[in-house]
């Protein structure tokens, strides 16, 4: 049995990371959004902790893959 390819995409935004899994035809198979914060130490400033991006990537990609239907093999 042939296994269809899956594509994992990641969007790292200001306050959240989105992970989306697509099948070979471009249809969304599963997705996950992980929120994280940022600090505003002064007016007009925004600071983020890069470690929170890595943690969100690990959790978001993992959850998106877990949500894939069992008809797909990862």
PDB file of N, CA and C in Angstrom:
ATOM      1  N   UNK A   1       0.840  -1.179   0.000  1.00  0.00           N
ATOM      2  CA  UNK A   1       0.000   0.000   0.000  1.00  0.00           C
ATOM      3  C   UNK A   1       0.887   1.245   0.000  1.00  0.00           C
ATOM      4  N   UNK A   2       0.631   2.160  -0.915  1.00  0.00           N
ATOM      5  CA  UNK A   2       1.404   3.400  -0.999  1.00  0.00           C
ATOM      6  C   UNK A   2       0.968   4.353   0.107  1.00  0.00           C
ATOM      7  N   UNK A   3       1.917   5.084   0.630  1.00  0.00           N
ATOM      8  CA  UNK A   3       1.636   6.057   1.677  1.00  0.00           C
ATOM      9  C   UNK A   3       1.683   7.447   1.060  1.00  0.00           C
ATOM     10  N   UNK A   4       0.597   8.199   1.220  1.00  0.00           N
ATOM     11  CA  UNK A   4       0.540   9.558   0.675  1.00  0.00           C
ATOM     12  C   UNK A   4       1.434  10.480   1.490  1.00  0.00           C
ATOM     13  N   UNK A   5       2.099  11.430   0.828  1.00  0.00           N
ATOM     14  CA  UNK A   5       2.952  12.365   1.567  1.00  0.00           C
ATOM     15  C   UNK A   5       2.118  13.348   2.381  1.00  0.00           C
ATOM     16  N   UNK A   6       2.662  13.743   3.501  1.00  0.00           N
ATOM     17  CA  UNK A   6       2.064  14.782   4.341  1.00  0.00           C
ATOM     18  C   UNK A   6       3.071  15.908   4.478  1.00  0.00           C
ATOM     19  N   UNK A   7       2.573  17.115   4.617  1.00  0.00           N
ATOM     20  CA  UNK A   7       3.430  18.288   4.741  1.00  0.00           C
ATOM     21  C   UNK A   7       3.058  19.018   6.028  1.00  0.00           C
ATOM     22  N   UNK A   8       4.047  19.251   6.895  1.00  0.00           N
ATOM     23  CA  UNK A   8       3.844  20.005   8.129  1.00  0.00           C
ATOM     24  C   UNK A   8       4.344  21.422   7.900  1.00  0.00           C
ATOM     25  N   UNK A   9       3.472  22.411   8.126  1.00  0.00           N
ATOM     26  CA  UNK A   9       3.870  23.812   8.016  1.00  0.00           C
ATOM     27  C   UNK A   9       3.759  24.468   9.382  1.00  0.00           C
ATOM     28  N   UNK A  10       4.573  25.486   9.596  1.00  0.00           N
ATOM     29  CA  UNK A  10       4.596  26.175  10.887  1.00  0.00           C
ATOM     30  C   UNK A  10       4.600  27.679  10.657  1.00  0.00           C
ATOM     31  N   UNK A  11       3.751  28.380  11.397  1.00  0.00           N
ATOM     32  CA  UNK A  11       3.693  29.846  11.360  1.00  0.00           C
ATOM     33  C   UNK A  11       3.975  30.344  12.769  1.00  0.00           C
ATOM     34  N   UNK A  12       5.123  31.002  12.955  1.00  0.00           N
ATOM     35  CA  UNK A  12       5.489  31.565  14.252  1.00  0.00           C
ATOM     36  C   UNK A  12       5.071  33.026  14.252  1.00  0.00           C
ATOM     37  N   UNK A  13       4.035  33.346  15.017  1.00  0.00           N
ATOM     38  CA  UNK A  13       3.520  34.706  15.067  1.00  0.00           C
ATOM     39  C   UNK A  13       3.921  35.424  16.343  1.00  0.00           C
ATOM     40  N   UNK A  14       3.375  36.591  16.532  1.00  0.00           N
ATOM     41  CA  UNK A  14       3.696  37.414  17.692  1.00  0.00           C
ATOM     42  C   UNK A  14       3.278  36.769  19.005  1.00  0.00           C
ATOM     43  N   UNK A  15       2.101  36.151  19.033  1.00  0.00           N
ATOM     44  CA  UNK A  15       1.592  35.599  20.287  1.00  0.00           C
ATOM     45  C   UNK A  15       1.208  34.123  20.220  1.00  0.00           C
ATOM     46  N   UNK A  16       1.386  33.496  19.052  1.00  0.00           N
ATOM     47  CA  UNK A  16       1.067  32.065  18.961  1.00  0.00           C
ATOM     48  C   UNK A  16       1.790  31.423  17.784  1.00  0.00           C
ATOM     49  N   UNK A  17       1.875  30.107  17.851  1.00  0.00           N
ATOM     50  CA  UNK A  17       2.445  29.302  16.785  1.00  0.00           C
ATOM     51  C   UNK A  17       1.344  28.408  16.249  1.00  0.00           C
ATOM     52  N   UNK A  18       1.224  28.339  14.930  1.00  0.00           N
ATOM     53  CA  UNK A  18       0.239  27.463  14.299  1.00  0.00           C
ATOM     54  C   UNK A  18       0.979  26.391  13.522  1.00  0.00           C
ATOM     55  N   UNK A  19       0.600  25.142  13.734  1.00  0.00           N
ATOM     56  CA  UNK A  19       1.145  24.012  12.984  1.00  0.00           C
ATOM     57  C   UNK A  19      -0.008  23.381  12.217  1.00  0.00           C
ATOM     58  N   UNK A  20       0.170  23.201  10.911  1.00  0.00           N
ATOM     59  CA  UNK A  20      -0.872  22.631  10.068  1.00  0.00           C
ATOM     60  C   UNK A  20      -0.277  21.507   9.242  1.00  0.00           C
ATOM     61  N   UNK A  21      -0.992  20.373   9.177  1.00  0.00           N
ATOM     62  CA  UNK A  21      -0.583  19.231   8.358  1.00  0.00           C
ATOM     63  C   UNK A  21      -1.502  19.185   7.138  1.00  0.00           C
ATOM     64  N   UNK A  22      -0.893  19.140   5.953  1.00  0.00           N
ATOM     65  CA  UNK A  22      -1.624  19.046   4.690  1.00  0.00           C
ATOM     66  C   UNK A  22      -1.329  17.702   4.030  1.00  0.00           C
ATOM     67  N   UNK A  23      -2.294  17.213   3.251  1.00  0.00           N
ATOM     68  CA  UNK A  23      -2.019  16.025   2.455  1.00  0.00           C
ATOM     69  C   UNK A  23      -1.427  16.466   1.111  1.00  0.00           C
ATOM     70  N   UNK A  24      -1.107  15.511   0.266  1.00  0.00           N
ATOM     71  CA  UNK A  24      -0.464  15.805  -1.011  1.00  0.00           C
ATOM     72  C   UNK A  24      -1.292  16.650  -1.951  1.00  0.00           C
ATOM     73  N   UNK A  25      -2.608  16.705  -1.751  1.00  0.00           N
ATOM     74  CA  UNK A  25      -3.459  17.515  -2.616  1.00  0.00           C
ATOM     75  C   UNK A  25      -3.709  18.911  -2.040  1.00  0.00           C
ATOM     76  N   UNK A  26      -3.096  19.211  -0.885  1.00  0.00           N
ATOM     77  CA  UNK A  26      -3.226  20.538  -0.285  1.00  0.00           C
ATOM     78  C   UNK A  26      -4.383  20.692   0.679  1.00  0.00           C
ATOM     79  N   UNK A  27      -5.058  19.599   0.992  1.00  0.00           N
ATOM     80  CA  UNK A  27      -6.162  19.654   1.950  1.00  0.00           C
ATOM     81  C   UNK A  27      -5.624  19.598   3.377  1.00  0.00           C
ATOM     82  N   UNK A  28      -6.214  20.392   4.282  1.00  0.00           N
ATOM     83  CA  UNK A  28      -5.803  20.370   5.688  1.00  0.00           C
ATOM     84  C   UNK A  28      -6.228  19.051   6.309  1.00  0.00           C
ATOM     85  N   UNK A  29      -5.284  18.377   6.933  1.00  0.00           N
ATOM     86  CA  UNK A  29      -5.539  17.105   7.600  1.00  0.00           C
ATOM     87  C   UNK A  29      -5.719  17.322   9.099  1.00  0.00           C
ATOM     88  N   UNK A  30      -4.898  18.198   9.690  1.00  0.00           N
ATOM     89  CA  UNK A  30      -4.952  18.463  11.133  1.00  0.00           C
ATOM     90  C   UNK A  30      -4.214  19.766  11.418  1.00  0.00           C
ATOM     91  N   UNK A  31      -4.503  20.358  12.584  1.00  0.00           N
ATOM     92  CA  UNK A  31      -3.818  21.591  12.957  1.00  0.00           C
ATOM     93  C   UNK A  31      -3.794  21.748  14.471  1.00  0.00           C
ATOM     94  N   UNK A  32      -2.959  22.681  14.916  1.00  0.00           N
ATOM     95  CA  UNK A  32      -2.839  22.985  16.340  1.00  0.00           C
ATOM     96  C   UNK A  32      -2.338  24.418  16.481  1.00  0.00           C
ATOM     97  N   UNK A  33      -2.804  25.105  17.516  1.00  0.00           N
ATOM     98  CA  UNK A  33      -2.321  26.446  17.833  1.00  0.00           C
ATOM     99  C   UNK A  33      -1.822  26.451  19.270  1.00  0.00           C
ATOM    100  N   UNK A  34      -0.623  26.965  19.459  1.00  0.00           N
ATOM    101  CA  UNK A  34      -0.026  27.074  20.792  1.00  0.00           C
ATOM    102  C   UNK A  34       0.230  28.554  21.072  1.00  0.00           C
ATOM    103  N   UNK A  35      -0.291  29.036  22.187  1.00  0.00           N
ATOM    104  CA  UNK A  35      -0.117  30.442  22.546  1.00  0.00           C
ATOM    105  C   UNK A  35       1.114  30.612  23.442  1.00  0.00           C
ATOM    106  N   UNK A  36       1.722  31.779  23.333  1.00  0.00           N
ATOM    107  CA  UNK A  36       2.813  32.170  24.226  1.00  0.00           C
ATOM    108  C   UNK A  36       2.742  33.677  24.388  1.00  0.00           C
ATOM    109  N   UNK A  37       3.412  34.165  25.367  1.00  0.00           N
ATOM    110  CA  UNK A  37       3.326  35.584  25.660  1.00  0.00           C
ATOM    111  C   UNK A  37       4.555  36.364  25.211  1.00  0.00           C
ATOM    112  N   UNK A  38       4.494  37.627  25.444  1.00  0.00           N
ATOM    113  CA  UNK A  38       5.616  38.517  25.225  1.00  0.00           C
ATOM    114  C   UNK A  38       5.535  39.625  26.272  1.00  0.00           C
ATOM    115  N   UNK A  39       6.655  40.260  26.511  1.00  0.00           N
ATOM    116  CA  UNK A  39       6.717  41.326  27.512  1.00  0.00           C
ATOM    117  C   UNK A  39       6.749  42.669  26.807  1.00  0.00           C
ATOM    118  N   UNK A  40       6.204  43.672  27.481  1.00  0.00           N
ATOM    119  CA  UNK A  40       6.283  45.051  26.984  1.00  0.00           C
ATOM    120  C   UNK A  40       6.914  45.902  28.090  1.00  0.00           C
ATOM    121  N   UNK A  41       8.257  45.861  28.195  1.00  0.00           N
ATOM    122  CA  UNK A  41       8.938  46.559  29.286  1.00  0.00           C
ATOM    123  C   UNK A  41       8.816  48.086  29.213  1.00  0.00           C
ATOM    124  N   UNK A  42       8.601  48.613  28.014  1.00  0.00           N
ATOM    125  CA  UNK A  42       8.408  50.053  27.843  1.00  0.00           C
ATOM    126  C   UNK A  42       7.394  50.269  26.725  1.00  0.00           C
ATOM    127  N   UNK A  43       6.816  51.423  26.722  1.00  0.00           N
ATOM    128  CA  UNK A  43       5.840  51.755  25.667  1.00  0.00           C
ATOM    129  C   UNK A  43       6.480  51.579  24.289  1.00  0.00           C
ATOM    130  N   UNK A  44       5.796  50.874  23.410  1.00  0.00           N
ATOM    131  CA  UNK A  44       6.286  50.660  22.054  1.00  0.00           C
ATOM    132  C   UNK A  44       7.271  49.516  21.913  1.00  0.00           C
ATOM    133  N   UNK A  45       7.602  48.831  23.003  1.00  0.00           N
ATOM    134  CA  UNK A  45       8.537  47.701  22.963  1.00  0.00           C
ATOM    135  C   UNK A  45       7.760  46.395  23.096  1.00  0.00           C
ATOM    136  N   UNK A  46       8.310  45.360  22.517  1.00  0.00           N
ATOM    137  CA  UNK A  46       7.788  44.004  22.704  1.00  0.00           C
ATOM    138  C   UNK A  46       8.975  43.051  22.701  1.00  0.00           C
ATOM    139  N   UNK A  47       9.057  42.226  23.738  1.00  0.00           N
ATOM    140  CA  UNK A  47      10.150  41.263  23.853  1.00  0.00           C
ATOM    141  C   UNK A  47       9.565  39.861  24.001  1.00  0.00           C
ATOM    142  N   UNK A  48      10.160  38.922  23.307  1.00  0.00           N
ATOM    143  CA  UNK A  48       9.717  37.534  23.381  1.00  0.00           C
ATOM    144  C   UNK A  48      10.870  36.656  23.847  1.00  0.00           C
ATOM    145  N   UNK A  49      10.538  35.549  24.459  1.00  0.00           N
ATOM    146  CA  UNK A  49      11.533  34.572  24.887  1.00  0.00           C
ATOM    147  C   UNK A  49      11.609  33.484  23.812  1.00  0.00           C
ATOM    148  N   UNK A  50      12.724  33.394  23.071  1.00  0.00           N
ATOM    149  CA  UNK A  50      12.835  32.398  22.007  1.00  0.00           C
ATOM    150  C   UNK A  50      12.613  30.959  22.491  1.00  0.00           C
ATOM    151  N   UNK A  51      12.906  30.681  23.741  1.00  0.00           N
ATOM    152  CA  UNK A  51      12.667  29.326  24.272  1.00  0.00           C
ATOM    153  C   UNK A  51      11.180  28.981  24.199  1.00  0.00           C
ATOM    154  N   UNK A  52      10.315  29.974  24.386  1.00  0.00           N
ATOM    155  CA  UNK A  52       8.877  29.712  24.300  1.00  0.00           C
ATOM    156  C   UNK A  52       8.484  29.320  22.877  1.00  0.00           C
ATOM    157  N   UNK A  53       9.201  29.832  21.866  1.00  0.00           N
ATOM    158  CA  UNK A  53       8.917  29.434  20.480  1.00  0.00           C
ATOM    159  C   UNK A  53       9.251  27.959  20.271  1.00  0.00           C
ATOM    160  N   UNK A  54      10.400  27.522  20.806  1.00  0.00           N
ATOM    161  CA  UNK A  54      10.796  26.112  20.663  1.00  0.00           C
ATOM    162  C   UNK A  54       9.808  25.203  21.382  1.00  0.00           C
ATOM    163  N   UNK A  55       9.399  25.597  22.577  1.00  0.00           N
ATOM    164  CA  UNK A  55       8.427  24.784  23.317  1.00  0.00           C
ATOM    165  C   UNK A  55       7.102  24.711  22.566  1.00  0.00           C
ATOM    166  N   UNK A  56       6.667  25.827  21.992  1.00  0.00           N
ATOM    167  CA  UNK A  56       5.423  25.848  21.222  1.00  0.00           C
ATOM    168  C   UNK A  56       5.551  25.001  19.962  1.00  0.00           C
ATOM    169  N   UNK A  57       6.723  25.020  19.321  1.00  0.00           N
ATOM    170  CA  UNK A  57       6.941  24.195  18.133  1.00  0.00           C
ATOM    171  C   UNK A  57       6.840  22.716  18.469  1.00  0.00           C
ATOM    172  N   UNK A  58       7.500  22.318  19.534  1.00  0.00           N
ATOM    173  CA  UNK A  58       7.457  20.911  19.951  1.00  0.00           C
ATOM    174  C   UNK A  58       6.021  20.481  20.267  1.00  0.00           C
ATOM    175  N   UNK A  59       5.320  21.284  21.049  1.00  0.00           N
ATOM    176  CA  UNK A  59       3.949  20.934  21.435  1.00  0.00           C
ATOM    177  C   UNK A  59       2.999  21.026  20.242  1.00  0.00           C
ATOM    178  N   UNK A  60       3.113  22.085  19.452  1.00  0.00           N
ATOM    179  CA  UNK A  60       2.196  22.297  18.336  1.00  0.00           C
ATOM    180  C   UNK A  60       2.350  21.271  17.232  1.00  0.00           C
ATOM    181  N   UNK A  61       3.586  20.983  16.852  1.00  0.00           N
ATOM    182  CA  UNK A  61       3.818  19.976  15.816  1.00  0.00           C
ATOM    183  C   UNK A  61       3.371  18.601  16.312  1.00  0.00           C
ATOM    184  N   UNK A  62       3.667  18.306  17.571  1.00  0.00           N
ATOM    185  CA  UNK A  62       3.250  17.022  18.142  1.00  0.00           C
ATOM    186  C   UNK A  62       1.740  16.865  18.156  1.00  0.00           C
ATOM    187  N   UNK A  63       1.048  17.898  18.578  1.00  0.00           N
ATOM    188  CA  UNK A  63      -0.425  17.833  18.635  1.00  0.00           C
ATOM    189  C   UNK A  63      -1.035  17.731  17.246  1.00  0.00           C
ATOM    190  N   UNK A  64      -0.508  18.498  16.299  1.00  0.00           N
ATOM    191  CA  UNK A  64      -1.042  18.434  14.934  1.00  0.00           C
ATOM    192  C   UNK A  64      -0.871  17.024  14.373  1.00  0.00           C
ATOM    193  N   UNK A  65       0.286  16.427  14.604  1.00  0.00           N
ATOM    194  CA  UNK A  65       0.523  15.064  14.107  1.00  0.00           C
ATOM    195  C   UNK A  65      -0.365  14.047  14.820  1.00  0.00           C
ATOM    196  N   UNK A  66      -0.562  14.215  16.121  1.00  0.00           N
ATOM    197  CA  UNK A  66      -1.448  13.313  16.876  1.00  0.00           C
ATOM    198  C   UNK A  66      -2.886  13.386  16.373  1.00  0.00           C
ATOM    199  N   UNK A  67      -3.288  14.541  15.868  1.00  0.00           N
ATOM    200  CA  UNK A  67      -4.658  14.739  15.411  1.00  0.00           C
ATOM    201  C   UNK A  67      -4.909  14.218  13.993  1.00  0.00           C
ATOM    202  N   UNK A  68      -3.873  13.778  13.327  1.00  0.00           N
ATOM    203  CA  UNK A  68      -4.055  13.212  11.979  1.00  0.00           C
ATOM    204  C   UNK A  68      -4.886  11.937  12.071  1.00  0.00           C
ATOM    205  N   UNK A  69      -5.827  11.765  11.179  1.00  0.00           N
ATOM    206  CA  UNK A  69      -6.643  10.535  11.192  1.00  0.00           C
ATOM    207  C   UNK A  69      -5.747   9.304  11.045  1.00  0.00           C
ATOM    208  N   UNK A  70      -6.221   8.193  11.543  1.00  0.00           N
ATOM    209  CA  UNK A  70      -5.437   6.961  11.511  1.00  0.00           C
ATOM    210  C   UNK A  70      -5.226   6.446  10.099  1.00  0.00           C
ATOM    211  N   UNK A  71      -5.931   7.006   9.121  1.00  0.00           N
ATOM    212  CA  UNK A  71      -5.732   6.586   7.732  1.00  0.00           C
ATOM    213  C   UNK A  71      -4.407   7.101   7.182  1.00  0.00           C
ATOM    214  N   UNK A  72      -3.759   8.032   7.897  1.00  0.00           N
ATOM    215  CA  UNK A  72      -2.456   8.539   7.488  1.00  0.00           C
ATOM    216  C   UNK A  72      -1.388   7.939   8.378  1.00  0.00           C
ATOM    217  N   UNK A  73      -0.260   7.617   7.783  1.00  0.00           N
ATOM    218  CA  UNK A  73       0.879   7.120   8.548  1.00  0.00           C
ATOM    219  C   UNK A  73       1.918   8.207   8.673  1.00  0.00           C
ATOM    220  N   UNK A  74       2.364   8.456   9.886  1.00  0.00           N
ATOM    221  CA  UNK A  74       3.388   9.490  10.094  1.00  0.00           C
ATOM    222  C   UNK A  74       4.715   8.842  10.359  1.00  0.00           C
TER     223      UNK A  74
END
